[in-house]
Amino acid sequence: MSKDTIVIREIKRGDNTQIEQIIRACFHEFKIPLEGTAYSDEETPNMYEAYQNDNDIYFVIDRGGFILGGGGIKPLKDFETDTCEIQKMYFTPEIRGKGYGKQLFEKCLEAAKALGYKRCYLESAPQLKAAIHIYEAYGFKHLNRAFGNTGHYACGVWMVKDL
C-alpha cells in the first residue's frame, strides 16, 4: 500500500491525538458552539478507548498514517436499546467533497445493521449544511426534538432513520 492510499479502518489507540485535532478544528472552522457539543465531550481526547464495547465502533480515514477524518456509532444514551447514534463524524478540508465522507457514512450504517440496531439517530449543527444534505439523501428524517441524552444541547438538528 502506498503512502497515498486512503483506507477506512477501525480506530487504533495511536489515532487519538489526530482525530481529536480534526474534531476540534471543525468547531472553530464552522463556528459551532464549543459547549454542549462533541467539542466538550470527555471522550473526544480518548476516542479509541471510548469505542471498545461490543455494540459500538469508530472508523477513521487514514492516508499513510495521517488521519483525515472519522465517524462512528454507539448506542443512543438513555434511549431504546435498538437505536444507535452516528457520532463524531468530522473531516479535514482536504478530503471534503471527494466522496470519502459518504463511504464512511455507509460503513457506519452497515456496521449499525450488523450490530443489530433497528434505528439510527444523529445530531448535527445547522452550520453543517453539506452533511445535513447527505443525511437527507440517505433517508434520514428531521425531528423536532432530541432523542436520548447525548448532552449536546447546542445541536439544533436531530434526525432519525429506520435501518
N, C-alpha and C. Protein backbone atom coordinates (compact mmCIF):
# COMPACT_ATOMS: atom_id res chain seq x y z
N MET A 1 0.85 -1.18 0.00
CA MET A 1 0.00 0.00 0.00
C MET A 1 0.89 1.24 0.00
N SER A 2 0.63 2.16 -0.91
CA SER A 2 1.46 3.37 -0.98
C SER A 2 1.02 4.37 0.07
N LYS A 3 1.89 5.34 0.31
CA LYS A 3 1.58 6.36 1.32
C LYS A 3 0.41 7.24 0.90
N ASP A 4 0.04 7.19 -0.39
CA ASP A 4 -1.08 8.00 -0.88
C ASP A 4 -2.40 7.24 -0.87
N THR A 5 -2.37 5.95 -0.51
CA THR A 5 -3.58 5.15 -0.47
C THR A 5 -4.43 5.55 0.73
N ILE A 6 -5.70 5.78 0.48
CA ILE A 6 -6.62 6.14 1.55
C ILE A 6 -7.45 4.93 1.91
N VAL A 7 -7.49 4.61 3.20
CA VAL A 7 -8.27 3.48 3.68
C VAL A 7 -9.18 3.94 4.82
N ILE A 8 -10.31 3.27 4.93
CA ILE A 8 -11.20 3.47 6.07
C ILE A 8 -11.04 2.23 6.94
N ARG A 9 -10.67 2.45 8.20
CA ARG A 9 -10.38 1.34 9.10
C ARG A 9 -10.85 1.69 10.51
N GLU A 10 -10.86 0.67 11.36
CA GLU A 10 -11.21 0.92 12.76
C GLU A 10 -10.11 1.74 13.42
N ILE A 11 -10.52 2.55 14.39
CA ILE A 11 -9.59 3.40 15.11
C ILE A 11 -8.58 2.56 15.91
N LYS A 12 -7.38 3.08 16.02
CA LYS A 12 -6.33 2.47 16.85
C LYS A 12 -5.98 3.47 17.95
N ARG A 13 -5.37 2.96 19.01
CA ARG A 13 -5.01 3.82 20.14
C ARG A 13 -4.16 5.02 19.70
N GLY A 14 -3.26 4.81 18.78
CA GLY A 14 -2.37 5.89 18.33
C GLY A 14 -3.04 6.97 17.51
N ASP A 15 -4.33 6.79 17.19
CA ASP A 15 -5.06 7.78 16.38
C ASP A 15 -5.69 8.89 17.22
N ASN A 16 -5.71 8.73 18.53
CA ASN A 16 -6.45 9.65 19.39
C ASN A 16 -6.11 11.12 19.16
N THR A 17 -4.85 11.47 19.18
CA THR A 17 -4.47 12.88 19.08
C THR A 17 -4.89 13.47 17.74
N GLN A 18 -4.66 12.73 16.66
CA GLN A 18 -5.00 13.27 15.34
C GLN A 18 -6.51 13.47 15.17
N ILE A 19 -7.32 12.48 15.58
CA ILE A 19 -8.76 12.62 15.39
C ILE A 19 -9.32 13.70 16.32
N GLU A 20 -8.78 13.83 17.51
CA GLU A 20 -9.21 14.91 18.40
C GLU A 20 -8.96 16.27 17.75
N GLN A 21 -7.79 16.44 17.15
CA GLN A 21 -7.47 17.71 16.50
C GLN A 21 -8.43 18.02 15.35
N ILE A 22 -8.78 16.99 14.58
CA ILE A 22 -9.71 17.18 13.46
C ILE A 22 -11.08 17.59 13.98
N ILE A 23 -11.57 16.87 14.99
CA ILE A 23 -12.89 17.19 15.56
C ILE A 23 -12.91 18.63 16.06
N ARG A 24 -11.93 19.00 16.86
CA ARG A 24 -11.92 20.34 17.45
C ARG A 24 -11.76 21.43 16.39
N ALA A 25 -10.96 21.18 15.36
CA ALA A 25 -10.75 22.18 14.30
C ALA A 25 -12.05 22.50 13.57
N CYS A 26 -12.89 21.50 13.37
CA CYS A 26 -14.15 21.73 12.66
C CYS A 26 -15.06 22.69 13.42
N PHE A 27 -15.04 22.62 14.74
CA PHE A 27 -15.88 23.51 15.53
C PHE A 27 -15.47 24.97 15.35
N HIS A 28 -14.17 25.21 15.30
CA HIS A 28 -13.68 26.58 15.08
C HIS A 28 -13.96 27.02 13.64
N GLU A 29 -13.70 26.12 12.70
CA GLU A 29 -13.89 26.46 11.28
C GLU A 29 -15.34 26.84 10.98
N PHE A 30 -16.30 26.08 11.51
CA PHE A 30 -17.71 26.31 11.20
C PHE A 30 -18.42 27.15 12.26
N LYS A 31 -17.66 27.64 13.24
CA LYS A 31 -18.22 28.49 14.30
C LYS A 31 -19.39 27.81 15.02
N ILE A 32 -19.16 26.57 15.41
CA ILE A 32 -20.14 25.78 16.16
C ILE A 32 -19.82 25.98 17.64
N PRO A 33 -20.85 26.11 18.49
CA PRO A 33 -20.57 26.28 19.92
C PRO A 33 -19.68 25.16 20.47
N LEU A 34 -18.81 25.52 21.41
CA LEU A 34 -17.88 24.56 21.99
C LEU A 34 -18.50 23.81 23.16
N GLU A 35 -19.40 24.44 23.86
CA GLU A 35 -20.08 23.80 24.99
C GLU A 35 -21.39 23.20 24.49
N GLY A 36 -21.74 22.06 25.07
CA GLY A 36 -22.98 21.40 24.68
C GLY A 36 -22.87 20.69 23.35
N THR A 37 -21.64 20.35 22.95
CA THR A 37 -21.37 19.66 21.69
C THR A 37 -20.27 18.63 21.92
N ALA A 38 -19.92 17.91 20.85
CA ALA A 38 -18.85 16.92 20.93
C ALA A 38 -17.51 17.55 21.31
N TYR A 39 -17.37 18.85 21.06
CA TYR A 39 -16.12 19.53 21.39
C TYR A 39 -15.77 19.34 22.86
N SER A 40 -16.77 19.40 23.72
CA SER A 40 -16.51 19.34 25.16
C SER A 40 -16.76 17.96 25.76
N ASP A 41 -17.05 16.95 24.93
CA ASP A 41 -17.24 15.59 25.45
C ASP A 41 -15.95 15.07 26.07
N GLU A 42 -16.10 14.34 27.16
CA GLU A 42 -14.94 13.74 27.83
C GLU A 42 -14.25 12.72 26.93
N GLU A 43 -14.98 12.07 26.05
CA GLU A 43 -14.37 11.03 25.22
C GLU A 43 -13.61 11.57 24.01
N THR A 44 -13.80 12.82 23.65
CA THR A 44 -13.15 13.35 22.44
C THR A 44 -11.62 13.18 22.46
N PRO A 45 -10.92 13.39 23.57
CA PRO A 45 -9.47 13.14 23.55
C PRO A 45 -9.11 11.65 23.61
N ASN A 46 -10.08 10.79 23.87
CA ASN A 46 -9.83 9.36 24.08
C ASN A 46 -10.75 8.52 23.21
N MET A 47 -10.75 8.80 21.93
CA MET A 47 -11.70 8.15 21.03
C MET A 47 -11.50 6.63 20.95
N TYR A 48 -10.27 6.17 20.91
CA TYR A 48 -10.04 4.73 20.84
C TYR A 48 -10.67 4.04 22.05
N GLU A 49 -10.39 4.54 23.24
CA GLU A 49 -10.90 3.94 24.46
C GLU A 49 -12.43 4.01 24.53
N ALA A 50 -13.01 5.06 23.97
CA ALA A 50 -14.45 5.28 24.04
C ALA A 50 -15.25 4.32 23.16
N TYR A 51 -14.57 3.67 22.23
CA TYR A 51 -15.27 2.79 21.28
C TYR A 51 -14.74 1.37 21.34
N GLN A 52 -14.67 0.81 22.53
CA GLN A 52 -14.15 -0.55 22.70
C GLN A 52 -15.20 -1.52 23.24
N ASN A 53 -16.46 -1.19 23.11
CA ASN A 53 -17.53 -2.08 23.56
C ASN A 53 -18.02 -2.94 22.39
N ASP A 54 -18.79 -3.96 22.71
CA ASP A 54 -19.29 -4.86 21.67
C ASP A 54 -20.34 -4.21 20.78
N ASN A 55 -20.96 -3.13 21.23
CA ASN A 55 -22.06 -2.53 20.49
C ASN A 55 -21.73 -1.15 19.93
N ASP A 56 -20.44 -0.85 19.75
CA ASP A 56 -20.05 0.41 19.14
C ASP A 56 -18.81 0.20 18.28
N ILE A 57 -18.55 1.17 17.41
CA ILE A 57 -17.36 1.10 16.54
C ILE A 57 -17.07 2.50 16.03
N TYR A 58 -15.79 2.81 15.87
CA TYR A 58 -15.38 4.10 15.31
C TYR A 58 -14.38 3.83 14.19
N PHE A 59 -14.61 4.48 13.06
CA PHE A 59 -13.74 4.34 11.89
C PHE A 59 -12.98 5.63 11.65
N VAL A 60 -11.78 5.50 11.11
CA VAL A 60 -11.01 6.66 10.68
C VAL A 60 -10.65 6.52 9.21
N ILE A 61 -10.44 7.64 8.58
CA ILE A 61 -9.93 7.68 7.21
C ILE A 61 -8.44 7.96 7.33
N ASP A 62 -7.65 7.03 6.83
CA ASP A 62 -6.20 7.03 7.02
C ASP A 62 -5.50 7.09 5.66
N ARG A 63 -4.56 8.02 5.54
CA ARG A 63 -3.69 8.07 4.37
C ARG A 63 -2.25 8.01 4.86
N GLY A 64 -1.66 6.83 4.74
CA GLY A 64 -0.26 6.67 5.12
C GLY A 64 0.04 7.04 6.56
N GLY A 65 -0.87 6.75 7.47
CA GLY A 65 -0.65 7.05 8.88
C GLY A 65 -1.18 8.41 9.31
N PHE A 66 -1.66 9.20 8.36
CA PHE A 66 -2.25 10.50 8.69
C PHE A 66 -3.76 10.37 8.67
N ILE A 67 -4.39 10.72 9.77
CA ILE A 67 -5.84 10.62 9.88
C ILE A 67 -6.45 11.87 9.25
N LEU A 68 -7.46 11.64 8.40
CA LEU A 68 -8.11 12.72 7.66
C LEU A 68 -9.57 12.91 8.05
N GLY A 69 -10.07 12.02 8.92
CA GLY A 69 -11.45 12.14 9.35
C GLY A 69 -11.88 10.89 10.08
N GLY A 70 -13.11 10.92 10.57
CA GLY A 70 -13.63 9.76 11.27
C GLY A 70 -15.10 9.89 11.58
N GLY A 71 -15.67 8.78 12.04
CA GLY A 71 -17.07 8.74 12.44
C GLY A 71 -17.38 7.37 12.99
N GLY A 72 -18.38 7.30 13.87
CA GLY A 72 -18.70 6.03 14.48
C GLY A 72 -20.13 5.91 14.92
N ILE A 73 -20.43 4.76 15.51
CA ILE A 73 -21.76 4.51 16.06
C ILE A 73 -21.63 3.99 17.48
N LYS A 74 -22.62 4.36 18.27
CA LYS A 74 -22.73 3.92 19.67
C LYS A 74 -24.21 3.79 19.98
N PRO A 75 -24.53 3.04 21.02
CA PRO A 75 -25.93 3.04 21.45
C PRO A 75 -26.33 4.48 21.85
N LEU A 76 -27.55 4.85 21.52
CA LEU A 76 -28.03 6.18 21.91
C LEU A 76 -28.28 6.17 23.41
N LYS A 77 -27.58 7.02 24.12
CA LYS A 77 -27.61 7.05 25.58
C LYS A 77 -29.02 7.36 26.10
N ASP A 78 -29.43 6.56 27.08
CA ASP A 78 -30.72 6.73 27.75
C ASP A 78 -31.90 6.69 26.78
N PHE A 79 -31.85 5.74 25.84
CA PHE A 79 -32.93 5.59 24.87
C PHE A 79 -33.13 4.11 24.58
N GLU A 80 -34.01 3.79 23.65
CA GLU A 80 -34.30 2.41 23.30
C GLU A 80 -33.02 1.69 22.87
N THR A 81 -32.87 0.45 23.29
CA THR A 81 -31.63 -0.28 23.03
C THR A 81 -31.43 -0.62 21.56
N ASP A 82 -32.49 -0.55 20.75
CA ASP A 82 -32.33 -0.87 19.33
C ASP A 82 -32.00 0.36 18.48
N THR A 83 -31.69 1.48 19.14
CA THR A 83 -31.37 2.72 18.44
C THR A 83 -29.92 3.11 18.71
N CYS A 84 -29.17 3.29 17.63
CA CYS A 84 -27.78 3.76 17.77
C CYS A 84 -27.70 5.21 17.32
N GLU A 85 -26.57 5.80 17.60
CA GLU A 85 -26.31 7.17 17.19
C GLU A 85 -25.04 7.19 16.33
N ILE A 86 -25.13 7.84 15.19
CA ILE A 86 -23.91 8.13 14.44
C ILE A 86 -23.32 9.37 15.08
N GLN A 87 -22.04 9.29 15.43
CA GLN A 87 -21.46 10.41 16.17
C GLN A 87 -20.02 10.69 15.77
N LYS A 88 -19.66 11.92 16.08
CA LYS A 88 -18.29 12.41 15.88
C LYS A 88 -17.77 12.14 14.48
N MET A 89 -18.57 12.56 13.49
CA MET A 89 -18.19 12.42 12.09
C MET A 89 -17.68 13.78 11.61
N TYR A 90 -16.36 13.86 11.47
CA TYR A 90 -15.69 15.11 11.08
C TYR A 90 -14.55 14.79 10.14
N PHE A 91 -14.25 15.74 9.23
CA PHE A 91 -13.24 15.52 8.20
C PHE A 91 -12.37 16.76 8.01
N THR A 92 -11.14 16.52 7.58
CA THR A 92 -10.26 17.64 7.23
C THR A 92 -10.78 18.28 5.93
N PRO A 93 -10.49 19.56 5.73
CA PRO A 93 -10.94 20.22 4.50
C PRO A 93 -10.44 19.52 3.22
N GLU A 94 -9.26 18.93 3.27
CA GLU A 94 -8.68 18.37 2.04
C GLU A 94 -9.44 17.17 1.49
N ILE A 95 -10.24 16.48 2.30
CA ILE A 95 -10.97 15.33 1.75
C ILE A 95 -12.47 15.58 1.61
N ARG A 96 -12.93 16.72 2.05
CA ARG A 96 -14.36 17.02 1.90
C ARG A 96 -14.73 17.15 0.43
N GLY A 97 -15.92 16.67 0.10
CA GLY A 97 -16.40 16.77 -1.27
C GLY A 97 -15.81 15.76 -2.23
N LYS A 98 -15.08 14.78 -1.71
CA LYS A 98 -14.43 13.79 -2.58
C LYS A 98 -15.03 12.40 -2.41
N GLY A 99 -16.11 12.28 -1.67
CA GLY A 99 -16.80 11.01 -1.54
C GLY A 99 -16.39 10.16 -0.36
N TYR A 100 -15.34 10.54 0.35
CA TYR A 100 -14.90 9.72 1.48
C TYR A 100 -15.88 9.77 2.64
N GLY A 101 -16.50 10.92 2.84
CA GLY A 101 -17.50 11.04 3.90
C GLY A 101 -18.68 10.12 3.66
N LYS A 102 -19.12 10.04 2.40
CA LYS A 102 -20.22 9.13 2.07
C LYS A 102 -19.82 7.69 2.29
N GLN A 103 -18.59 7.34 1.92
CA GLN A 103 -18.11 5.97 2.13
C GLN A 103 -18.10 5.63 3.62
N LEU A 104 -17.61 6.56 4.42
CA LEU A 104 -17.55 6.34 5.87
C LEU A 104 -18.96 6.25 6.44
N PHE A 105 -19.84 7.12 5.99
CA PHE A 105 -21.22 7.12 6.45
C PHE A 105 -21.89 5.78 6.15
N GLU A 106 -21.70 5.27 4.92
CA GLU A 106 -22.25 3.98 4.54
C GLU A 106 -21.67 2.86 5.40
N LYS A 107 -20.38 2.94 5.69
CA LYS A 107 -19.74 1.93 6.53
C LYS A 107 -20.35 1.95 7.94
N CYS A 108 -20.65 3.12 8.45
CA CYS A 108 -21.30 3.23 9.76
C CYS A 108 -22.71 2.63 9.72
N LEU A 109 -23.47 2.91 8.67
CA LEU A 109 -24.82 2.35 8.57
C LEU A 109 -24.77 0.82 8.45
N GLU A 110 -23.83 0.31 7.68
CA GLU A 110 -23.65 -1.15 7.56
C GLU A 110 -23.29 -1.76 8.92
N ALA A 111 -22.40 -1.11 9.64
CA ALA A 111 -22.00 -1.60 10.96
C ALA A 111 -23.18 -1.58 11.92
N ALA A 112 -24.00 -0.54 11.85
CA ALA A 112 -25.17 -0.45 12.73
C ALA A 112 -26.11 -1.63 12.49
N LYS A 113 -26.35 -1.95 11.22
CA LYS A 113 -27.21 -3.09 10.88
C LYS A 113 -26.58 -4.38 11.38
N ALA A 114 -25.29 -4.55 11.15
CA ALA A 114 -24.58 -5.77 11.56
C ALA A 114 -24.61 -5.95 13.08
N LEU A 115 -24.63 -4.84 13.82
CA LEU A 115 -24.68 -4.91 15.28
C LEU A 115 -26.11 -5.08 15.80
N GLY A 116 -27.07 -5.13 14.89
CA GLY A 116 -28.45 -5.41 15.27
C GLY A 116 -29.32 -4.22 15.58
N TYR A 117 -28.85 -3.02 15.32
CA TYR A 117 -29.67 -1.83 15.56
C TYR A 117 -30.79 -1.75 14.53
N LYS A 118 -31.93 -1.23 14.95
CA LYS A 118 -33.10 -1.08 14.08
C LYS A 118 -33.29 0.36 13.60
N ARG A 119 -32.74 1.30 14.36
CA ARG A 119 -32.85 2.73 14.00
C ARG A 119 -31.52 3.40 14.24
N CYS A 120 -31.30 4.45 13.47
CA CYS A 120 -30.08 5.24 13.62
C CYS A 120 -30.47 6.71 13.80
N TYR A 121 -29.92 7.31 14.80
CA TYR A 121 -30.19 8.70 15.17
C TYR A 121 -28.90 9.50 14.99
N LEU A 122 -29.04 10.77 14.71
CA LEU A 122 -27.87 11.65 14.68
C LEU A 122 -28.27 13.06 15.06
N GLU A 123 -27.28 13.78 15.53
CA GLU A 123 -27.45 15.20 15.83
C GLU A 123 -26.39 15.96 15.05
N SER A 124 -26.75 17.17 14.65
CA SER A 124 -25.80 17.98 13.90
C SER A 124 -26.03 19.45 14.23
N ALA A 125 -25.16 20.26 13.69
CA ALA A 125 -25.30 21.71 13.84
C ALA A 125 -25.81 22.28 12.52
N PRO A 126 -26.68 23.27 12.56
CA PRO A 126 -27.24 23.83 11.33
C PRO A 126 -26.16 24.34 10.36
N GLN A 127 -24.99 24.70 10.89
CA GLN A 127 -23.90 25.20 10.05
C GLN A 127 -23.36 24.14 9.09
N LEU A 128 -23.57 22.87 9.40
CA LEU A 128 -23.01 21.77 8.61
C LEU A 128 -23.98 21.36 7.50
N LYS A 129 -24.26 22.30 6.61
CA LYS A 129 -25.28 22.12 5.58
C LYS A 129 -24.97 20.95 4.64
N ALA A 130 -23.72 20.78 4.24
CA ALA A 130 -23.37 19.69 3.32
C ALA A 130 -23.63 18.34 3.97
N ALA A 131 -23.29 18.21 5.24
CA ALA A 131 -23.51 16.96 5.96
C ALA A 131 -25.01 16.67 6.08
N ILE A 132 -25.78 17.68 6.43
CA ILE A 132 -27.22 17.50 6.59
C ILE A 132 -27.85 17.07 5.26
N HIS A 133 -27.38 17.64 4.16
CA HIS A 133 -27.87 17.25 2.83
C HIS A 133 -27.60 15.76 2.57
N ILE A 134 -26.42 15.29 2.95
CA ILE A 134 -26.09 13.86 2.77
C ILE A 134 -27.01 13.00 3.63
N TYR A 135 -27.24 13.39 4.88
CA TYR A 135 -28.12 12.62 5.76
C TYR A 135 -29.52 12.52 5.14
N GLU A 136 -30.02 13.63 4.63
CA GLU A 136 -31.34 13.63 4.00
C GLU A 136 -31.36 12.70 2.78
N ALA A 137 -30.29 12.73 1.99
CA ALA A 137 -30.22 11.88 0.80
C ALA A 137 -30.23 10.40 1.16
N TYR A 138 -29.77 10.06 2.36
CA TYR A 138 -29.78 8.67 2.82
C TYR A 138 -31.06 8.30 3.56
N GLY A 139 -32.04 9.19 3.53
CA GLY A 139 -33.34 8.86 4.10
C GLY A 139 -33.54 9.24 5.55
N PHE A 140 -32.62 9.99 6.12
CA PHE A 140 -32.82 10.46 7.49
C PHE A 140 -33.91 11.54 7.49
N LYS A 141 -34.79 11.46 8.48
CA LYS A 141 -35.90 12.40 8.61
C LYS A 141 -35.64 13.33 9.79
N HIS A 142 -36.00 14.60 9.61
CA HIS A 142 -35.82 15.59 10.67
C HIS A 142 -36.81 15.35 11.80
N LEU A 143 -36.34 15.61 13.01
CA LEU A 143 -37.17 15.53 14.21
C LEU A 143 -37.30 16.94 14.78
N ASN A 144 -38.33 17.16 15.58
CA ASN A 144 -38.48 18.49 16.19
C ASN A 144 -37.95 18.54 17.62
N ARG A 145 -37.32 17.42 18.04
CA ARG A 145 -36.70 17.40 19.37
C ARG A 145 -35.61 16.32 19.38
N ALA A 146 -34.77 16.40 20.39
CA ALA A 146 -33.70 15.43 20.54
C ALA A 146 -34.24 14.13 21.13
N PHE A 147 -33.58 13.03 20.79
CA PHE A 147 -33.83 11.72 21.40
C PHE A 147 -32.69 11.46 22.37
N GLY A 148 -32.95 10.65 23.38
CA GLY A 148 -31.88 10.21 24.28
C GLY A 148 -31.32 11.33 25.13
N ASN A 149 -30.08 11.10 25.57
CA ASN A 149 -29.43 12.03 26.48
C ASN A 149 -27.96 12.18 26.09
N THR A 150 -27.71 12.84 24.96
CA THR A 150 -26.34 12.97 24.48
C THR A 150 -25.57 14.07 25.20
N GLY A 151 -26.29 15.00 25.81
CA GLY A 151 -25.64 16.15 26.44
C GLY A 151 -25.30 17.25 25.45
N HIS A 152 -25.68 17.06 24.20
CA HIS A 152 -25.36 18.04 23.16
C HIS A 152 -26.51 19.04 22.98
N TYR A 153 -26.72 19.82 23.98
CA TYR A 153 -27.84 20.76 23.96
C TYR A 153 -27.66 21.88 22.94
N ALA A 154 -26.46 22.08 22.43
CA ALA A 154 -26.23 23.14 21.45
C ALA A 154 -26.44 22.67 20.01
N CYS A 155 -26.71 21.40 19.81
CA CYS A 155 -27.00 20.89 18.46
C CYS A 155 -28.47 21.17 18.16
N GLY A 156 -28.75 21.77 17.03
CA GLY A 156 -30.13 22.13 16.70
C GLY A 156 -30.76 21.28 15.62
N VAL A 157 -30.06 20.26 15.15
CA VAL A 157 -30.59 19.39 14.10
C VAL A 157 -30.59 17.97 14.64
N TRP A 158 -31.77 17.33 14.60
CA TRP A 158 -31.93 15.96 15.08
C TRP A 158 -32.60 15.17 13.97
N MET A 159 -32.04 14.00 13.66
CA MET A 159 -32.57 13.20 12.56
C MET A 159 -32.55 11.72 12.93
N VAL A 160 -33.44 10.96 12.26
CA VAL A 160 -33.52 9.52 12.53
C VAL A 160 -33.86 8.78 11.24
N LYS A 161 -33.44 7.51 11.20
CA LYS A 161 -33.71 6.65 10.05
C LYS A 161 -33.90 5.22 10.55
N ASP A 162 -34.92 4.55 10.00
CA ASP A 162 -35.07 3.13 10.26
C ASP A 162 -34.06 2.38 9.39
N LEU A 163 -33.43 1.38 9.99
CA LEU A 163 -32.42 0.61 9.24
C LEU A 163 -33.04 -0.62 8.59
